[in-house]
PDB file of N, CA and C in Angstrom:
ATOM      1  N   MET A   1     -29.726 -51.673 -26.046  1.00  0.00           N
ATOM      2  CA  MET A   1     -29.961 -52.283 -27.341  1.00  0.00           C
ATOM      3  C   MET A   1     -28.660 -52.405 -28.134  1.00  0.00           C
ATOM      4  N   HIS A   2     -27.798 -51.411 -27.977  1.00  0.00           N
ATOM      5  CA  HIS A   2     -26.511 -51.417 -28.667  1.00  0.00           C
ATOM      6  C   HIS A   2     -25.692 -52.640 -28.257  1.00  0.00           C
ATOM      7  N   GLU A   3     -25.682 -52.957 -26.978  1.00  0.00           N
ATOM      8  CA  GLU A   3     -24.920 -54.112 -26.489  1.00  0.00           C
ATOM      9  C   GLU A   3     -25.471 -55.413 -27.059  1.00  0.00           C
ATOM     10  N   PHE A   4     -26.780 -55.506 -27.201  1.00  0.00           N
ATOM     11  CA  PHE A   4     -27.397 -56.703 -27.774  1.00  0.00           C
ATOM     12  C   PHE A   4     -26.952 -56.894 -29.216  1.00  0.00           C
ATOM     13  N   ILE A   5     -26.921 -55.835 -29.990  1.00  0.00           N
ATOM     14  CA  ILE A   5     -26.513 -55.930 -31.390  1.00  0.00           C
ATOM     15  C   ILE A   5     -25.045 -56.325 -31.488  1.00  0.00           C
ATOM     16  N   VAL A   6     -24.213 -55.775 -30.617  1.00  0.00           N
ATOM     17  CA  VAL A   6     -22.797 -56.156 -30.593  1.00  0.00           C
ATOM     18  C   VAL A   6     -22.658 -57.642 -30.240  1.00  0.00           C
ATOM     19  N   ALA A   7     -23.412 -58.094 -29.243  1.00  0.00           N
ATOM     20  CA  ALA A   7     -23.362 -59.508 -28.853  1.00  0.00           C
ATOM     21  C   ALA A   7     -23.826 -60.404 -29.990  1.00  0.00           C
ATOM     22  N   LEU A   8     -24.866 -60.016 -30.681  1.00  0.00           N
ATOM     23  CA  LEU A   8     -25.359 -60.790 -31.818  1.00  0.00           C
ATOM     24  C   LEU A   8     -24.305 -60.842 -32.925  1.00  0.00           C
ATOM     25  N   GLY A   9     -23.647 -59.733 -33.172  1.00  0.00           N
ATOM     26  CA  GLY A   9     -22.562 -59.705 -34.154  1.00  0.00           C
ATOM     27  C   GLY A   9     -21.428 -60.632 -33.758  1.00  0.00           C
ATOM     28  N   LEU A  10     -21.116 -60.681 -32.477  1.00  0.00           N
ATOM     29  CA  LEU A  10     -20.062 -61.561 -31.988  1.00  0.00           C
ATOM     30  C   LEU A  10     -20.434 -63.032 -32.193  1.00  0.00           C
ATOM     31  N   VAL A  11     -21.698 -63.352 -32.008  1.00  0.00           N
ATOM     32  CA  VAL A  11     -22.155 -64.727 -32.260  1.00  0.00           C
ATOM     33  C   VAL A  11     -21.917 -65.084 -33.719  1.00  0.00           C
ATOM     34  N   PHE A  12     -22.245 -64.186 -34.629  1.00  0.00           N
ATOM     35  CA  PHE A  12     -22.026 -64.448 -36.048  1.00  0.00           C
ATOM     36  C   PHE A  12     -20.539 -64.601 -36.366  1.00  0.00           C
ATOM     37  N   VAL A  13     -19.693 -63.797 -35.743  1.00  0.00           N
ATOM     38  CA  VAL A  13     -18.254 -63.901 -35.967  1.00  0.00           C
ATOM     39  C   VAL A  13     -17.745 -65.266 -35.506  1.00  0.00           C
ATOM     40  N   ILE A  14     -18.132 -65.683 -34.311  1.00  0.00           N
ATOM     41  CA  ILE A  14     -17.666 -66.961 -33.778  1.00  0.00           C
ATOM     42  C   ILE A  14     -18.163 -68.115 -34.647  1.00  0.00           C
ATOM     43  N   GLU A  15     -19.447 -68.084 -35.021  1.00  0.00           N
ATOM     44  CA  GLU A  15     -19.992 -69.134 -35.890  1.00  0.00           C
ATOM     45  C   GLU A  15     -19.261 -69.155 -37.228  1.00  0.00           C
ATOM     46  N   GLY A  16     -19.056 -68.009 -37.804  1.00  0.00           N
ATOM     47  CA  GLY A  16     -18.384 -67.942 -39.097  1.00  0.00           C
ATOM     48  C   GLY A  16     -16.963 -68.465 -39.046  1.00  0.00           C
ATOM     49  N   VAL A  17     -16.244 -68.131 -37.993  1.00  0.00           N
ATOM     50  CA  VAL A  17     -14.871 -68.616 -37.837  1.00  0.00           C
ATOM     51  C   VAL A  17     -14.856 -70.132 -37.692  1.00  0.00           C
ATOM     52  N   CYS A  18     -15.788 -70.669 -36.913  1.00  0.00           N
ATOM     53  CA  CYS A  18     -15.860 -72.133 -36.742  1.00  0.00           C
ATOM     54  C   CYS A  18     -16.100 -72.821 -38.076  1.00  0.00           C
ATOM     55  N   TYR A  19     -17.047 -72.319 -38.871  1.00  0.00           N
ATOM     56  CA  TYR A  19     -17.330 -72.924 -40.171  1.00  0.00           C
ATOM     57  C   TYR A  19     -16.169 -72.731 -41.144  1.00  0.00           C
ATOM     58  N   ALA A  20     -15.485 -71.609 -41.079  1.00  0.00           N
ATOM     59  CA  ALA A  20     -14.379 -71.346 -41.998  1.00  0.00           C
ATOM     60  C   ALA A  20     -13.148 -72.191 -41.658  1.00  0.00           C
ATOM     61  N   LEU A  21     -12.851 -72.350 -40.383  1.00  0.00           N
ATOM     62  CA  LEU A  21     -11.642 -73.069 -39.986  1.00  0.00           C
ATOM     63  C   LEU A  21     -11.829 -74.579 -39.854  1.00  0.00           C
ATOM     64  N   PHE A  22     -13.039 -75.004 -39.477  1.00  0.00           N
ATOM     65  CA  PHE A  22     -13.281 -76.417 -39.206  1.00  0.00           C
ATOM     66  C   PHE A  22     -14.540 -76.924 -39.908  1.00  0.00           C
ATOM     67  N   PRO A  23     -14.592 -76.852 -41.239  1.00  0.00           N
ATOM     68  CA  PRO A  23     -15.827 -77.237 -41.925  1.00  0.00           C
ATOM     69  C   PRO A  23     -16.186 -78.720 -41.734  1.00  0.00           C
ATOM     70  N   VAL A  24     -15.203 -79.596 -41.732  1.00  0.00           N
ATOM     71  CA  VAL A  24     -15.495 -81.023 -41.581  1.00  0.00           C
ATOM     72  C   VAL A  24     -16.030 -81.302 -40.177  1.00  0.00           C
ATOM     73  N   ALA A  25     -15.411 -80.717 -39.175  1.00  0.00           N
ATOM     74  CA  ALA A  25     -15.875 -80.913 -37.799  1.00  0.00           C
ATOM     75  C   ALA A  25     -17.283 -80.365 -37.614  1.00  0.00           C
ATOM     76  N   MET A  26     -17.596 -79.243 -38.246  1.00  0.00           N
ATOM     77  CA  MET A  26     -18.937 -78.670 -38.120  1.00  0.00           C
ATOM     78  C   MET A  26     -19.967 -79.567 -38.804  1.00  0.00           C
ATOM     79  N   LYS A  27     -19.614 -80.158 -39.952  1.00  0.00           N
ATOM     80  CA  LYS A  27     -20.525 -81.083 -40.615  1.00  0.00           C
ATOM     81  C   LYS A  27     -20.762 -82.317 -39.743  1.00  0.00           C
ATOM     82  N   ASN A  28     -19.698 -82.826 -39.132  1.00  0.00           N
ATOM     83  CA  ASN A  28     -19.839 -83.982 -38.244  1.00  0.00           C
ATOM     84  C   ASN A  28     -20.701 -83.646 -37.040  1.00  0.00           C
ATOM     85  N   MET A  29     -20.550 -82.434 -36.516  1.00  0.00           N
ATOM     86  CA  MET A  29     -21.353 -82.009 -35.372  1.00  0.00           C
ATOM     87  C   MET A  29     -22.838 -81.939 -35.760  1.00  0.00           C
ATOM     88  N   MET A  30     -23.112 -81.456 -36.976  1.00  0.00           N
ATOM     89  CA  MET A  30     -24.500 -81.390 -37.435  1.00  0.00           C
ATOM     90  C   MET A  30     -25.091 -82.787 -37.585  1.00  0.00           C
ATOM     91  N   LYS A  31     -24.310 -83.716 -38.131  1.00  0.00           N
ATOM     92  CA  LYS A  31     -24.774 -85.097 -38.262  1.00  0.00           C
ATOM     93  C   LYS A  31     -25.065 -85.689 -36.889  1.00  0.00           C
ATOM     94  N   PHE A  32     -24.192 -85.405 -35.931  1.00  0.00           N
ATOM     95  CA  PHE A  32     -24.382 -85.903 -34.568  1.00  0.00           C
ATOM     96  C   PHE A  32     -25.660 -85.317 -33.970  1.00  0.00           C
ATOM     97  N   ALA A  33     -25.886 -84.023 -34.193  1.00  0.00           N
ATOM     98  CA  ALA A  33     -27.073 -83.368 -33.632  1.00  0.00           C
ATOM     99  C   ALA A  33     -28.358 -83.932 -34.239  1.00  0.00           C
ATOM    100  N   ILE A  34     -28.325 -84.270 -35.518  1.00  0.00           N
ATOM    101  CA  ILE A  34     -29.509 -84.822 -36.169  1.00  0.00           C
ATOM    102  C   ILE A  34     -29.914 -86.142 -35.525  1.00  0.00           C
ATOM    103  N   ASP A  35     -28.938 -86.907 -35.078  1.00  0.00           N
ATOM    104  CA  ASP A  35     -29.218 -88.215 -34.490  1.00  0.00           C
ATOM    105  C   ASP A  35     -29.703 -88.136 -33.039  1.00  0.00           C
ATOM    106  N   GLN A  36     -29.647 -86.965 -32.434  1.00  0.00           N
ATOM    107  CA  GLN A  36     -30.027 -86.825 -31.029  1.00  0.00           C
ATOM    108  C   GLN A  36     -31.535 -86.638 -30.892  1.00  0.00           C
ATOM    109  N   GLN A  37     -32.043 -87.037 -29.737  1.00  0.00           N
ATOM    110  CA  GLN A  37     -33.452 -86.820 -29.445  1.00  0.00           C
ATOM    111  C   GLN A  37     -33.689 -85.332 -29.170  1.00  0.00           C
ATOM    112  N   GLU A  38     -34.902 -84.882 -29.468  1.00  0.00           N
ATOM    113  CA  GLU A  38     -35.230 -83.466 -29.295  1.00  0.00           C
ATOM    114  C   GLU A  38     -35.065 -83.016 -27.845  1.00  0.00           C
ATOM    115  N   ASN A  39     -35.436 -83.869 -26.911  1.00  0.00           N
ATOM    116  CA  ASN A  39     -35.309 -83.490 -25.497  1.00  0.00           C
ATOM    117  C   ASN A  39     -33.860 -83.246 -25.098  1.00  0.00           C
ATOM    118  N   ASN A  40     -32.940 -84.049 -25.626  1.00  0.00           N
ATOM    119  CA  ASN A  40     -31.527 -83.843 -25.313  1.00  0.00           C
ATOM    120  C   ASN A  40     -31.027 -82.515 -25.875  1.00  0.00           C
ATOM    121  N   ILE A  41     -31.423 -82.208 -27.096  1.00  0.00           N
ATOM    122  CA  ILE A  41     -31.030 -80.934 -27.704  1.00  0.00           C
ATOM    123  C   ILE A  41     -31.614 -79.769 -26.909  1.00  0.00           C
ATOM    124  N   ARG A  42     -32.866 -79.920 -26.494  1.00  0.00           N
ATOM    125  CA  ARG A  42     -33.525 -78.873 -25.713  1.00  0.00           C
ATOM    126  C   ARG A  42     -32.799 -78.645 -24.386  1.00  0.00           C
ATOM    127  N   LYS A  43     -32.403 -79.732 -23.721  1.00  0.00           N
ATOM    128  CA  LYS A  43     -31.698 -79.616 -22.434  1.00  0.00           C
ATOM    129  C   LYS A  43     -30.343 -78.928 -22.596  1.00  0.00           C
ATOM    130  N   VAL A  44     -29.618 -79.288 -23.641  1.00  0.00           N
ATOM    131  CA  VAL A  44     -28.323 -78.659 -23.889  1.00  0.00           C
ATOM    132  C   VAL A  44     -28.505 -77.176 -24.200  1.00  0.00           C
ATOM    133  N   GLY A  45     -29.510 -76.841 -25.006  1.00  0.00           N
ATOM    134  CA  GLY A  45     -29.784 -75.435 -25.321  1.00  0.00           C
ATOM    135  C   GLY A  45     -30.166 -74.635 -24.096  1.00  0.00           C
ATOM    136  N   LEU A  46     -31.015 -75.224 -23.259  1.00  0.00           N
ATOM    137  CA  LEU A  46     -31.412 -74.538 -22.032  1.00  0.00           C
ATOM    138  C   LEU A  46     -30.214 -74.359 -21.103  1.00  0.00           C
ATOM    139  N   GLY A  47     -29.384 -75.383 -21.000  1.00  0.00           N
ATOM    140  CA  GLY A  47     -28.183 -75.278 -20.168  1.00  0.00           C
ATOM    141  C   GLY A  47     -27.246 -74.194 -20.669  1.00  0.00           C
ATOM    142  N   ALA A  48     -27.063 -74.116 -21.986  1.00  0.00           N
ATOM    143  CA  ALA A  48     -26.205 -73.079 -22.561  1.00  0.00           C
ATOM    144  C   ALA A  48     -26.772 -71.690 -22.302  1.00  0.00           C
ATOM    145  N   ALA A  49     -28.090 -71.553 -22.409  1.00  0.00           N
ATOM    146  CA  ALA A  49     -28.719 -70.256 -22.145  1.00  0.00           C
ATOM    147  C   ALA A  49     -28.524 -69.849 -20.688  1.00  0.00           C
ATOM    148  N   ILE A  50     -28.657 -70.805 -19.777  1.00  0.00           N
ATOM    149  CA  ILE A  50     -28.479 -70.498 -18.346  1.00  0.00           C
ATOM    150  C   ILE A  50     -27.039 -70.094 -18.071  1.00  0.00           C
ATOM    151  N   VAL A  51     -26.089 -70.822 -18.642  1.00  0.00           N
ATOM    152  CA  VAL A  51     -24.675 -70.462 -18.460  1.00  0.00           C
ATOM    153  C   VAL A  51     -24.426 -69.057 -19.009  1.00  0.00           C
ATOM    154  N   GLY A  52     -24.996 -68.746 -20.161  1.00  0.00           N
ATOM    155  CA  GLY A  52     -24.828 -67.412 -20.733  1.00  0.00           C
ATOM    156  C   GLY A  52     -25.390 -66.319 -19.844  1.00  0.00           C
ATOM    157  N   VAL A  53     -26.562 -66.546 -19.272  1.00  0.00           N
ATOM    158  CA  VAL A  53     -27.166 -65.553 -18.373  1.00  0.00           C
ATOM    159  C   VAL A  53     -26.300 -65.376 -17.134  1.00  0.00           C
ATOM    160  N   VAL A  54     -25.778 -66.483 -16.595  1.00  0.00           N
ATOM    161  CA  VAL A  54     -24.925 -66.386 -15.404  1.00  0.00           C
ATOM    162  C   VAL A  54     -23.656 -65.600 -15.715  1.00  0.00           C
ATOM    163  N   ILE A  55     -23.047 -65.863 -16.865  1.00  0.00           N
ATOM    164  CA  ILE A  55     -21.840 -65.122 -17.255  1.00  0.00           C
ATOM    165  C   ILE A  55     -22.140 -63.639 -17.375  1.00  0.00           C
ATOM    166  N   ILE A  56     -23.246 -63.307 -18.040  1.00  0.00           N
ATOM    167  CA  ILE A  56     -23.613 -61.898 -18.190  1.00  0.00           C
ATOM    168  C   ILE A  56     -23.865 -61.259 -16.820  1.00  0.00           C
ATOM    169  N   TYR A  57     -24.538 -61.979 -15.941  1.00  0.00           N
ATOM    170  CA  TYR A  57     -24.813 -61.458 -14.594  1.00  0.00           C
ATOM    171  C   TYR A  57     -23.521 -61.197 -13.842  1.00  0.00           C
ATOM    172  N   LEU A  58     -22.569 -62.118 -13.928  1.00  0.00           N
ATOM    173  CA  LEU A  58     -21.304 -61.966 -13.213  1.00  0.00           C
ATOM    174  C   LEU A  58     -20.455 -60.815 -13.776  1.00  0.00           C
ATOM    175  N   VAL A  59     -20.522 -60.627 -15.077  1.00  0.00           N
ATOM    176  CA  VAL A  59     -19.734 -59.555 -15.696  1.00  0.00           C
ATOM    177  C   VAL A  59     -20.335 -58.186 -15.412  1.00  0.00           C
ATOM    178  N   LYS A  60     -21.652 -58.117 -15.412  1.00  0.00           N
ATOM    179  CA  LYS A  60     -22.322 -56.836 -15.163  1.00  0.00           C
ATOM    180  C   LYS A  60     -22.257 -56.584 -13.690  1.00  0.00           C
TER     181      LYS A  60
END
């Protein structure tokens, strides 16, 4: 459970840094995401989750 909380904290750090350093790019990315179909967003999210699981599996 401790590792999960650390990983969640790291996600917040990375997100926060992206918004702090590149606010215009993040706004443009949000506008781009709004224009996408739900299925495309779902596929990208699922792909990212699979890549994350594979990375965790390889590291452990």
